[in-house]
All heavy atoms as atom14 arrays in JSON, in Angstrom:
{
  "sequence": "LYNDVSKFAAANDVQDGGQNQAVVQEALEAMVLLLAPIVPHLCHV",
  "atom14_mask": [
    [1, 1, 1, 1, 1, 1, 1, 1, 0, 0, 0, 0, 0, 0],
    [1, 1, 1, 1, 1, 1, 1, 1, 1, 1, 1, 1, 0, 0],
    [1, 1, 1, 1, 1, 1, 1, 1, 0, 0, 0, 0, 0, 0],
    [1, 1, 1, 1, 1, 1, 1, 1, 0, 0, 0, 0, 0, 0],
    [1, 1, 1, 1, 1, 1, 1, 0, 0, 0, 0, 0, 0, 0],
    [1, 1, 1, 1, 1, 1, 0, 0, 0, 0, 0, 0, 0, 0],
    [1, 1, 1, 1, 1, 1, 1, 1, 1, 0, 0, 0, 0, 0],
    [1, 1, 1, 1, 1, 1, 1, 1, 1, 1, 1, 0, 0, 0],
    [1, 1, 1, 1, 1, 0, 0, 0, 0, 0, 0, 0, 0, 0],
    [1, 1, 1, 1, 1, 0, 0, 0, 0, 0, 0, 0, 0, 0],
    [1, 1, 1, 1, 1, 0, 0, 0, 0, 0, 0, 0, 0, 0],
    [1, 1, 1, 1, 1, 1, 1, 1, 0, 0, 0, 0, 0, 0],
    [1, 1, 1, 1, 1, 1, 1, 1, 0, 0, 0, 0, 0, 0],
    [1, 1, 1, 1, 1, 1, 1, 0, 0, 0, 0, 0, 0, 0],
    [1, 1, 1, 1, 1, 1, 1, 1, 1, 0, 0, 0, 0, 0],
    [1, 1, 1, 1, 1, 1, 1, 1, 0, 0, 0, 0, 0, 0],
    [1, 1, 1, 1, 0, 0, 0, 0, 0, 0, 0, 0, 0, 0],
    [1, 1, 1, 1, 0, 0, 0, 0, 0, 0, 0, 0, 0, 0],
    [1, 1, 1, 1, 1, 1, 1, 1, 1, 0, 0, 0, 0, 0],
    [1, 1, 1, 1, 1, 1, 1, 1, 0, 0, 0, 0, 0, 0],
    [1, 1, 1, 1, 1, 1, 1, 1, 1, 0, 0, 0, 0, 0],
    [1, 1, 1, 1, 1, 0, 0, 0, 0, 0, 0, 0, 0, 0],
    [1, 1, 1, 1, 1, 1, 1, 0, 0, 0, 0, 0, 0, 0],
    [1, 1, 1, 1, 1, 1, 1, 0, 0, 0, 0, 0, 0, 0],
    [1, 1, 1, 1, 1, 1, 1, 1, 1, 0, 0, 0, 0, 0],
    [1, 1, 1, 1, 1, 1, 1, 1, 1, 0, 0, 0, 0, 0],
    [1, 1, 1, 1, 1, 0, 0, 0, 0, 0, 0, 0, 0, 0],
    [1, 1, 1, 1, 1, 1, 1, 1, 0, 0, 0, 0, 0, 0],
    [1, 1, 1, 1, 1, 1, 1, 1, 1, 0, 0, 0, 0, 0],
    [1, 1, 1, 1, 1, 0, 0, 0, 0, 0, 0, 0, 0, 0],
    [1, 1, 1, 1, 1, 1, 1, 1, 0, 0, 0, 0, 0, 0],
    [1, 1, 1, 1, 1, 1, 1, 0, 0, 0, 0, 0, 0, 0],
    [1, 1, 1, 1, 1, 1, 1, 1, 0, 0, 0, 0, 0, 0],
    [1, 1, 1, 1, 1, 1, 1, 1, 0, 0, 0, 0, 0, 0],
    [1, 1, 1, 1, 1, 1, 1, 1, 0, 0, 0, 0, 0, 0],
    [1, 1, 1, 1, 1, 0, 0, 0, 0, 0, 0, 0, 0, 0],
    [1, 1, 1, 1, 1, 1, 1, 0, 0, 0, 0, 0, 0, 0],
    [1, 1, 1, 1, 1, 1, 1, 1, 0, 0, 0, 0, 0, 0],
    [1, 1, 1, 1, 1, 1, 1, 0, 0, 0, 0, 0, 0, 0],
    [1, 1, 1, 1, 1, 1, 1, 0, 0, 0, 0, 0, 0, 0],
    [1, 1, 1, 1, 1, 1, 1, 1, 1, 1, 0, 0, 0, 0],
    [1, 1, 1, 1, 1, 1, 1, 1, 0, 0, 0, 0, 0, 0],
    [1, 1, 1, 1, 1, 1, 0, 0, 0, 0, 0, 0, 0, 0],
    [1, 1, 1, 1, 1, 1, 1, 1, 1, 1, 0, 0, 0, 0],
    [1, 1, 1, 1, 1, 1, 1, 0, 0, 0, 0, 0, 0, 0]
  ],
  "atom14_positions": [
    [[0.84, -1.2, 0.0], [0.0, 0.0, 0.0], [0.87, 1.25, 0.0], [0.58, 2.21, -0.72], [-0.92, 0.0, 1.22], [-1.79, 1.24, 1.42], [-2.69, 1.48, 0.22], [-2.62, 1.12, 2.71], [0.0, 0.0, 0.0], [0.0, 0.0, 0.0], [0.0, 0.0, 0.0], [0.0, 0.0, 0.0], [0.0, 0.0, 0.0], [0.0, 0.0, 0.0]],
    [[1.95, 1.22, 0.78], [2.88, 2.35, 0.8], [3.43, 2.61, -0.6], [3.5, 3.77, -1.05], [4.02, 2.06, 1.77], [5.22, 2.97, 1.56], [5.28, 4.22, 2.15], [6.28, 2.58, 0.74], [6.36, 5.07, 1.93], [7.35, 3.41, 0.51], [7.39, 4.66, 1.11], [8.46, 5.49, 0.88], [0.0, 0.0, 0.0], [0.0, 0.0, 0.0]],
    [[3.81, 1.56, -1.31], [4.37, 1.73, -2.67], [3.35, 2.36, -3.61], [3.68, 3.26, -4.38], [4.82, 0.37, -3.22], [6.04, -0.18, -2.5], [6.84, 0.58, -1.94], [6.2, -1.48, -2.51], [0.0, 0.0, 0.0], [0.0, 0.0, 0.0], [0.0, 0.0, 0.0], [0.0, 0.0, 0.0], [0.0, 0.0, 0.0], [0.0, 0.0, 0.0]],
    [[2.1, 1.91, -3.54], [1.07, 2.46, -4.42], [0.8, 3.92, -4.1], [0.63, 4.75, -5.01], [-0.22, 1.65, -4.3], [-0.13, 0.3, -5.0], [0.96, -0.03, -5.51], [-1.14, -0.43, -5.04], [0.0, 0.0, 0.0], [0.0, 0.0, 0.0], [0.0, 0.0, 0.0], [0.0, 0.0, 0.0], [0.0, 0.0, 0.0], [0.0, 0.0, 0.0]],
    [[0.73, 4.24, -2.82], [0.46, 5.63, -2.42], [1.63, 6.53, -2.8], [1.43, 7.66, -3.25], [0.17, 5.71, -0.91], [0.05, 7.17, -0.45], [-1.1, 4.95, -0.57], [0.0, 0.0, 0.0], [0.0, 0.0, 0.0], [0.0, 0.0, 0.0], [0.0, 0.0, 0.0], [0.0, 0.0, 0.0], [0.0, 0.0, 0.0], [0.0, 0.0, 0.0]],
    [[2.84, 6.02, -2.65], [4.03, 6.81, -3.02], [4.02, 7.15, -4.51], [4.31, 8.29, -4.91], [5.31, 6.05, -2.67], [5.43, 5.87, -1.28], [0.0, 0.0, 0.0], [0.0, 0.0, 0.0], [0.0, 0.0, 0.0], [0.0, 0.0, 0.0], [0.0, 0.0, 0.0], [0.0, 0.0, 0.0], [0.0, 0.0, 0.0], [0.0, 0.0, 0.0]],
    [[3.67, 6.16, -5.34], [3.62, 6.4, -6.78], [2.52, 7.4, -7.12], [2.71, 8.29, -7.95], [3.37, 5.08, -7.51], [4.53, 4.1, -7.43], [4.17, 2.77, -8.09], [5.31, 1.77, -7.95], [4.95, 0.44, -8.52], [0.0, 0.0, 0.0], [0.0, 0.0, 0.0], [0.0, 0.0, 0.0], [0.0, 0.0, 0.0], [0.0, 0.0, 0.0]],
    [[1.38, 7.27, -6.45], [0.28, 8.2, -6.7], [0.67, 9.62, -6.27], [0.39, 10.59, -6.98], [-0.96, 7.75, -5.93], [-2.17, 8.63, -6.15], [-2.98, 8.46, -7.25], [-2.49, 9.63, -5.23], [-4.09, 9.27, -7.46], [-3.59, 10.45, -5.42], [-4.4, 10.26, -6.54], [0.0, 0.0, 0.0], [0.0, 0.0, 0.0], [0.0, 0.0, 0.0]],
    [[1.33, 9.73, -5.12], [1.74, 11.04, -4.62], [2.78, 11.69, -5.51], [2.82, 12.91, -5.67], [2.27, 10.91, -3.19], [0.0, 0.0, 0.0], [0.0, 0.0, 0.0], [0.0, 0.0, 0.0], [0.0, 0.0, 0.0], [0.0, 0.0, 0.0], [0.0, 0.0, 0.0], [0.0, 0.0, 0.0], [0.0, 0.0, 0.0], [0.0, 0.0, 0.0]],
    [[3.64, 10.87, -6.12], [4.67, 11.41, -7.01], [4.09, 11.92, -8.31], [4.66, 12.83, -8.94], [5.72, 10.34, -7.29], [0.0, 0.0, 0.0], [0.0, 0.0, 0.0], [0.0, 0.0, 0.0], [0.0, 0.0, 0.0], [0.0, 0.0, 0.0], [0.0, 0.0, 0.0], [0.0, 0.0, 0.0], [0.0, 0.0, 0.0], [0.0, 0.0, 0.0]],
    [[2.95, 11.37, -8.72], [2.36, 11.74, -10.01], [1.22, 12.73, -9.89], [0.72, 13.23, -10.91], [1.85, 10.48, -10.71], [0.0, 0.0, 0.0], [0.0, 0.0, 0.0], [0.0, 0.0, 0.0], [0.0, 0.0, 0.0], [0.0, 0.0, 0.0], [0.0, 0.0, 0.0], [0.0, 0.0, 0.0], [0.0, 0.0, 0.0], [0.0, 0.0, 0.0]],
    [[0.79, 13.04, -8.66], [-0.37, 13.91, -8.48], [-0.13, 14.92, -7.36], [0.71, 14.71, -6.48], [-1.62, 13.09, -8.16], [-1.99, 12.11, -9.25], [-2.67, 12.46, -10.2], [-1.54, 10.87, -9.11], [0.0, 0.0, 0.0], [0.0, 0.0, 0.0], [0.0, 0.0, 0.0], [0.0, 0.0, 0.0], [0.0, 0.0, 0.0], [0.0, 0.0, 0.0]],
    [[-0.9, 15.98, -7.39], [-0.88, 16.97, -6.31], [-1.78, 16.46, -5.2], [-3.0, 16.49, -5.3], [-1.38, 18.33, -6.82], [-1.46, 19.37, -5.71], [-0.93, 19.1, -4.61], [-2.06, 20.44, -5.94], [0.0, 0.0, 0.0], [0.0, 0.0, 0.0], [0.0, 0.0, 0.0], [0.0, 0.0, 0.0], [0.0, 0.0, 0.0], [0.0, 0.0, 0.0]],
    [[-1.16, 15.95, -4.13], [-1.95, 15.37, -3.05], [-2.25, 16.39, -1.96], [-2.77, 16.03, -0.9], [-1.23, 14.14, -2.45], [-1.11, 13.05, -3.49], [0.13, 14.51, -1.88], [0.0, 0.0, 0.0], [0.0, 0.0, 0.0], [0.0, 0.0, 0.0], [0.0, 0.0, 0.0], [0.0, 0.0, 0.0], [0.0, 0.0, 0.0], [0.0, 0.0, 0.0]],
    [[-1.93, 17.64, -2.2], [-2.31, 18.72, -1.29], [-3.28, 19.66, -1.99], [-3.31, 20.86, -1.75], [-1.06, 19.49, -0.84], [0.01, 18.65, -0.19], [-0.38, 18.09, 1.18], [0.34, 17.31, 1.78], [-1.52, 18.5, 1.7], [0.0, 0.0, 0.0], [0.0, 0.0, 0.0], [0.0, 0.0, 0.0], [0.0, 0.0, 0.0], [0.0, 0.0, 0.0]],
    [[-4.12, 19.09, -2.85], [-5.01, 19.89, -3.69], [-6.28, 20.33, -2.97], [-7.1, 21.07, -3.53], [-5.4, 19.12, -4.95], [-6.17, 17.82, -4.65], [-6.21, 17.43, -3.45], [-6.7, 17.22, -5.58], [0.0, 0.0, 0.0], [0.0, 0.0, 0.0], [0.0, 0.0, 0.0], [0.0, 0.0, 0.0], [0.0, 0.0, 0.0], [0.0, 0.0, 0.0]],
    [[-6.47, 19.88, -1.73], [-7.69, 20.22, -1.02], [-8.9, 19.5, -1.57], [-10.03, 19.8, -1.21], [0.0, 0.0, 0.0], [0.0, 0.0, 0.0], [0.0, 0.0, 0.0], [0.0, 0.0, 0.0], [0.0, 0.0, 0.0], [0.0, 0.0, 0.0], [0.0, 0.0, 0.0], [0.0, 0.0, 0.0], [0.0, 0.0, 0.0], [0.0, 0.0, 0.0]],
    [[-8.67, 18.54, -2.46], [-9.75, 17.79, -3.09], [-9.61, 16.31, -2.86], [-9.09, 15.86, -1.84], [0.0, 0.0, 0.0], [0.0, 0.0, 0.0], [0.0, 0.0, 0.0], [0.0, 0.0, 0.0], [0.0, 0.0, 0.0], [0.0, 0.0, 0.0], [0.0, 0.0, 0.0], [0.0, 0.0, 0.0], [0.0, 0.0, 0.0], [0.0, 0.0, 0.0]],
    [[-10.01, 15.53, -3.86], [-10.08, 14.08, -3.7], [-8.72, 13.4, -3.71], [-8.57, 12.32, -3.14], [-10.99, 13.48, -4.77], [-12.46, 13.88, -4.6], [-12.96, 13.6, -3.19], [-13.0, 12.47, -2.74], [-13.33, 14.66, -2.47], [0.0, 0.0, 0.0], [0.0, 0.0, 0.0], [0.0, 0.0, 0.0], [0.0, 0.0, 0.0], [0.0, 0.0, 0.0]],
    [[-7.72, 14.0, -4.35], [-6.36, 13.44, -4.24], [-5.92, 13.42, -2.78], [-5.42, 12.42, -2.27], [-5.37, 14.27, -5.06], [-5.44, 13.98, -6.54], [-6.0, 12.97, -6.95], [-4.88, 14.86, -7.35], [0.0, 0.0, 0.0], [0.0, 0.0, 0.0], [0.0, 0.0, 0.0], [0.0, 0.0, 0.0], [0.0, 0.0, 0.0], [0.0, 0.0, 0.0]],
    [[-6.11, 14.54, -2.12], [-5.71, 14.65, -0.72], [-6.56, 13.73, 0.16], [-6.05, 13.11, 1.09], [-5.86, 16.1, -0.25], [-5.31, 16.35, 1.15], [-5.27, 17.83, 1.49], [-5.66, 18.68, 0.69], [-4.75, 18.15, 2.66], [0.0, 0.0, 0.0], [0.0, 0.0, 0.0], [0.0, 0.0, 0.0], [0.0, 0.0, 0.0], [0.0, 0.0, 0.0]],
    [[-7.83, 13.61, -0.17], [-8.74, 12.8, 0.65], [-8.36, 11.32, 0.61], [-8.27, 10.66, 1.65], [-10.18, 12.98, 0.17], [0.0, 0.0, 0.0], [0.0, 0.0, 0.0], [0.0, 0.0, 0.0], [0.0, 0.0, 0.0], [0.0, 0.0, 0.0], [0.0, 0.0, 0.0], [0.0, 0.0, 0.0], [0.0, 0.0, 0.0], [0.0, 0.0, 0.0]],
    [[-8.11, 10.77, -0.59], [-7.81, 9.34, -0.68], [-6.43, 9.03, -0.11], [-6.21, 7.96, 0.46], [-7.92, 8.83, -2.13], [-9.35, 8.94, -2.63], [-6.97, 9.55, -3.07], [0.0, 0.0, 0.0], [0.0, 0.0, 0.0], [0.0, 0.0, 0.0], [0.0, 0.0, 0.0], [0.0, 0.0, 0.0], [0.0, 0.0, 0.0], [0.0, 0.0, 0.0]],
    [[-5.49, 9.97, -0.25], [-4.15, 9.75, 0.3], [-4.19, 9.8, 1.83], [-3.57, 8.97, 2.51], [-3.14, 10.77, -0.25], [-1.83, 10.73, 0.53], [-2.87, 10.5, -1.72], [0.0, 0.0, 0.0], [0.0, 0.0, 0.0], [0.0, 0.0, 0.0], [0.0, 0.0, 0.0], [0.0, 0.0, 0.0], [0.0, 0.0, 0.0], [0.0, 0.0, 0.0]],
    [[-4.93, 10.76, 2.39], [-5.02, 10.82, 3.84], [-5.68, 9.56, 4.4], [-5.24, 9.01, 5.42], [-5.83, 12.06, 4.28], [-5.95, 12.15, 5.81], [-6.19, 13.55, 6.3], [-5.9, 14.54, 5.61], [-6.71, 13.68, 7.51], [0.0, 0.0, 0.0], [0.0, 0.0, 0.0], [0.0, 0.0, 0.0], [0.0, 0.0, 0.0], [0.0, 0.0, 0.0]],
    [[-6.71, 9.08, 3.73], [-7.36, 7.84, 4.16], [-6.37, 6.68, 4.14], [-6.33, 5.86, 5.07], [-8.55, 7.53, 3.26], [-9.33, 6.3, 3.68], [-10.48, 5.98, 2.74], [-10.4, 6.33, 1.54], [-11.46, 5.36, 3.2], [0.0, 0.0, 0.0], [0.0, 0.0, 0.0], [0.0, 0.0, 0.0], [0.0, 0.0, 0.0], [0.0, 0.0, 0.0]],
    [[-5.54, 6.61, 3.11], [-4.56, 5.54, 2.99], [-3.48, 5.65, 4.05], [-3.08, 4.64, 4.67], [-3.92, 5.56, 1.59], [0.0, 0.0, 0.0], [0.0, 0.0, 0.0], [0.0, 0.0, 0.0], [0.0, 0.0, 0.0], [0.0, 0.0, 0.0], [0.0, 0.0, 0.0], [0.0, 0.0, 0.0], [0.0, 0.0, 0.0], [0.0, 0.0, 0.0]],
    [[-3.0, 6.87, 4.31], [-1.95, 7.07, 5.31], [-2.46, 6.74, 6.7], [-1.75, 6.12, 7.51], [-1.44, 8.51, 5.25], [-0.74, 8.94, 3.95], [-0.31, 10.4, 4.04], [0.47, 8.05, 3.65], [0.0, 0.0, 0.0], [0.0, 0.0, 0.0], [0.0, 0.0, 0.0], [0.0, 0.0, 0.0], [0.0, 0.0, 0.0], [0.0, 0.0, 0.0]],
    [[-3.68, 7.15, 7.01], [-4.25, 6.84, 8.31], [-4.4, 5.33, 8.48], [-4.15, 4.79, 9.57], [-5.59, 7.54, 8.48], [-5.47, 9.05, 8.65], [-6.82, 9.72, 8.85], [-7.86, 9.03, 8.71], [-6.83, 10.94, 9.13], [0.0, 0.0, 0.0], [0.0, 0.0, 0.0], [0.0, 0.0, 0.0], [0.0, 0.0, 0.0], [0.0, 0.0, 0.0]],
    [[-4.81, 4.66, 7.41], [-4.94, 3.2, 7.48], [-3.58, 2.55, 7.74], [-3.48, 1.62, 8.57], [-5.54, 2.67, 6.17], [0.0, 0.0, 0.0], [0.0, 0.0, 0.0], [0.0, 0.0, 0.0], [0.0, 0.0, 0.0], [0.0, 0.0, 0.0], [0.0, 0.0, 0.0], [0.0, 0.0, 0.0], [0.0, 0.0, 0.0], [0.0, 0.0, 0.0]],
    [[-2.54, 3.01, 7.06], [-1.21, 2.44, 7.26], [-0.76, 2.59, 8.71], [-0.21, 1.66, 9.31], [-0.2, 3.1, 6.32], [-0.23, 2.57, 4.91], [1.16, 3.18, 3.91], [0.49, 4.73, 3.32], [0.0, 0.0, 0.0], [0.0, 0.0, 0.0], [0.0, 0.0, 0.0], [0.0, 0.0, 0.0], [0.0, 0.0, 0.0], [0.0, 0.0, 0.0]],
    [[-0.98, 3.76, 9.27], [-0.56, 4.02, 10.65], [-1.33, 3.12, 11.62], [-0.74, 2.51, 12.52], [-0.77, 5.51, 11.0], [-0.57, 5.74, 12.5], [0.2, 6.38, 10.2], [0.0, 0.0, 0.0], [0.0, 0.0, 0.0], [0.0, 0.0, 0.0], [0.0, 0.0, 0.0], [0.0, 0.0, 0.0], [0.0, 0.0, 0.0], [0.0, 0.0, 0.0]],
    [[-2.63, 3.01, 11.44], [-3.43, 2.17, 12.33], [-3.06, 0.7, 12.2], [-3.0, -0.03, 13.2], [-4.92, 2.36, 12.0], [-5.53, 3.71, 12.42], [-6.9, 3.88, 11.78], [-5.64, 3.81, 13.93], [0.0, 0.0, 0.0], [0.0, 0.0, 0.0], [0.0, 0.0, 0.0], [0.0, 0.0, 0.0], [0.0, 0.0, 0.0], [0.0, 0.0, 0.0]],
    [[-2.81, 0.25, 10.98], [-2.51, -1.17, 10.75], [-1.13, -1.55, 11.26], [-0.9, -2.7, 11.66], [-2.62, -1.49, 9.26], [-4.02, -1.32, 8.64], [-3.97, -1.56, 7.14], [-5.02, -2.25, 9.3], [0.0, 0.0, 0.0], [0.0, 0.0, 0.0], [0.0, 0.0, 0.0], [0.0, 0.0, 0.0], [0.0, 0.0, 0.0], [0.0, 0.0, 0.0]],
    [[-0.2, -0.61, 11.26], [1.16, -0.9, 11.75], [1.32, -0.65, 13.25], [2.33, -1.04, 13.83], [2.18, -0.04, 11.0], [2.55, -0.47, 9.58], [3.52, 0.54, 8.96], [3.17, -1.87, 9.56], [0.0, 0.0, 0.0], [0.0, 0.0, 0.0], [0.0, 0.0, 0.0], [0.0, 0.0, 0.0], [0.0, 0.0, 0.0], [0.0, 0.0, 0.0]],
    [[0.33, -0.01, 13.87], [0.45, 0.36, 15.28], [0.77, -0.81, 16.22], [1.56, -0.64, 17.14], [-0.82, 1.08, 15.74], [0.0, 0.0, 0.0], [0.0, 0.0, 0.0], [0.0, 0.0, 0.0], [0.0, 0.0, 0.0], [0.0, 0.0, 0.0], [0.0, 0.0, 0.0], [0.0, 0.0, 0.0], [0.0, 0.0, 0.0], [0.0, 0.0, 0.0]],
    [[0.19, -2.01, 16.02], [0.56, -3.1, 16.92], [2.03, -3.51, 16.8], [2.58, -4.11, 17.73], [-0.36, -4.25, 16.46], [-1.52, -3.58, 15.8], [-0.92, -2.4, 15.11], [0.0, 0.0, 0.0], [0.0, 0.0, 0.0], [0.0, 0.0, 0.0], [0.0, 0.0, 0.0], [0.0, 0.0, 0.0], [0.0, 0.0, 0.0], [0.0, 0.0, 0.0]],
    [[2.66, -3.22, 15.68], [4.05, -3.61, 15.45], [5.01, -2.49, 15.83], [6.03, -2.73, 16.49], [4.28, -3.99, 13.96], [3.23, -5.0, 13.5], [5.69, -4.52, 13.76], [3.29, -6.33, 14.18], [0.0, 0.0, 0.0], [0.0, 0.0, 0.0], [0.0, 0.0, 0.0], [0.0, 0.0, 0.0], [0.0, 0.0, 0.0], [0.0, 0.0, 0.0]],
    [[4.71, -1.27, 15.41], [5.6, -0.13, 15.67], [4.79, 0.98, 16.37], [4.49, 2.01, 15.77], [6.27, 0.39, 14.38], [7.36, -0.56, 13.94], [5.25, 0.53, 13.24], [0.0, 0.0, 0.0], [0.0, 0.0, 0.0], [0.0, 0.0, 0.0], [0.0, 0.0, 0.0], [0.0, 0.0, 0.0], [0.0, 0.0, 0.0], [0.0, 0.0, 0.0]],
    [[4.43, 0.79, 17.62], [3.5, 1.71, 18.3], [4.03, 3.12, 18.51], [3.27, 4.08, 18.43], [3.23, 1.0, 19.63], [4.44, 0.14, 19.86], [4.86, -0.31, 18.5], [0.0, 0.0, 0.0], [0.0, 0.0, 0.0], [0.0, 0.0, 0.0], [0.0, 0.0, 0.0], [0.0, 0.0, 0.0], [0.0, 0.0, 0.0], [0.0, 0.0, 0.0]],
    [[5.32, 3.25, 18.81], [5.86, 4.57, 19.13], [5.87, 5.47, 17.89], [5.42, 6.62, 17.93], [7.28, 4.44, 19.7], [7.38, 3.46, 20.83], [7.72, 2.14, 20.61], [7.15, 3.58, 22.15], [7.73, 1.5, 21.77], [7.38, 2.35, 22.72], [0.0, 0.0, 0.0], [0.0, 0.0, 0.0], [0.0, 0.0, 0.0], [0.0, 0.0, 0.0]],
    [[6.37, 4.93, 16.79], [6.38, 5.66, 15.53], [4.97, 6.05, 15.12], [4.7, 7.2, 14.75], [7.04, 4.81, 14.44], [6.9, 5.33, 13.0], [7.9, 6.45, 12.77], [7.11, 4.21, 12.0], [0.0, 0.0, 0.0], [0.0, 0.0, 0.0], [0.0, 0.0, 0.0], [0.0, 0.0, 0.0], [0.0, 0.0, 0.0], [0.0, 0.0, 0.0]],
    [[4.06, 5.1, 15.19], [2.7, 5.34, 14.71], [1.97, 6.35, 15.57], [1.11, 7.09, 15.07], [1.93, 4.02, 14.64], [2.51, 2.92, 13.31], [0.0, 0.0, 0.0], [0.0, 0.0, 0.0], [0.0, 0.0, 0.0], [0.0, 0.0, 0.0], [0.0, 0.0, 0.0], [0.0, 0.0, 0.0], [0.0, 0.0, 0.0], [0.0, 0.0, 0.0]],
    [[2.27, 6.39, 16.85], [1.64, 7.39, 17.72], [1.98, 8.81, 17.25], [1.11, 9.67, 17.16], [2.11, 7.21, 19.17], [1.61, 8.27, 20.11], [0.36, 8.23, 20.68], [2.19, 9.41, 20.54], [0.19, 9.3, 21.44], [1.28, 10.03, 21.37], [0.0, 0.0, 0.0], [0.0, 0.0, 0.0], [0.0, 0.0, 0.0], [0.0, 0.0, 0.0]],
    [[3.25, 9.03, 16.93], [3.68, 10.35, 16.45], [3.07, 10.66, 15.1], [2.59, 11.78, 14.85], [5.23, 10.42, 16.39], [5.68, 11.76, 15.83], [5.83, 10.2, 17.77], [0.0, 0.0, 0.0], [0.0, 0.0, 0.0], [0.0, 0.0, 0.0], [0.0, 0.0, 0.0], [0.0, 0.0, 0.0], [0.0, 0.0, 0.0], [0.0, 0.0, 0.0]]
  ]
}
């Protein structure tokens, strides 16, 4: 998921205040929540 989001972010303006930013934020939040049991300190920040 990180690889897909990175490629999308490199090819698009993900700070557009629109749907690019919305889907990327949803993906990033999911990554943080899903990794929290493994890397809790990093994910908290």
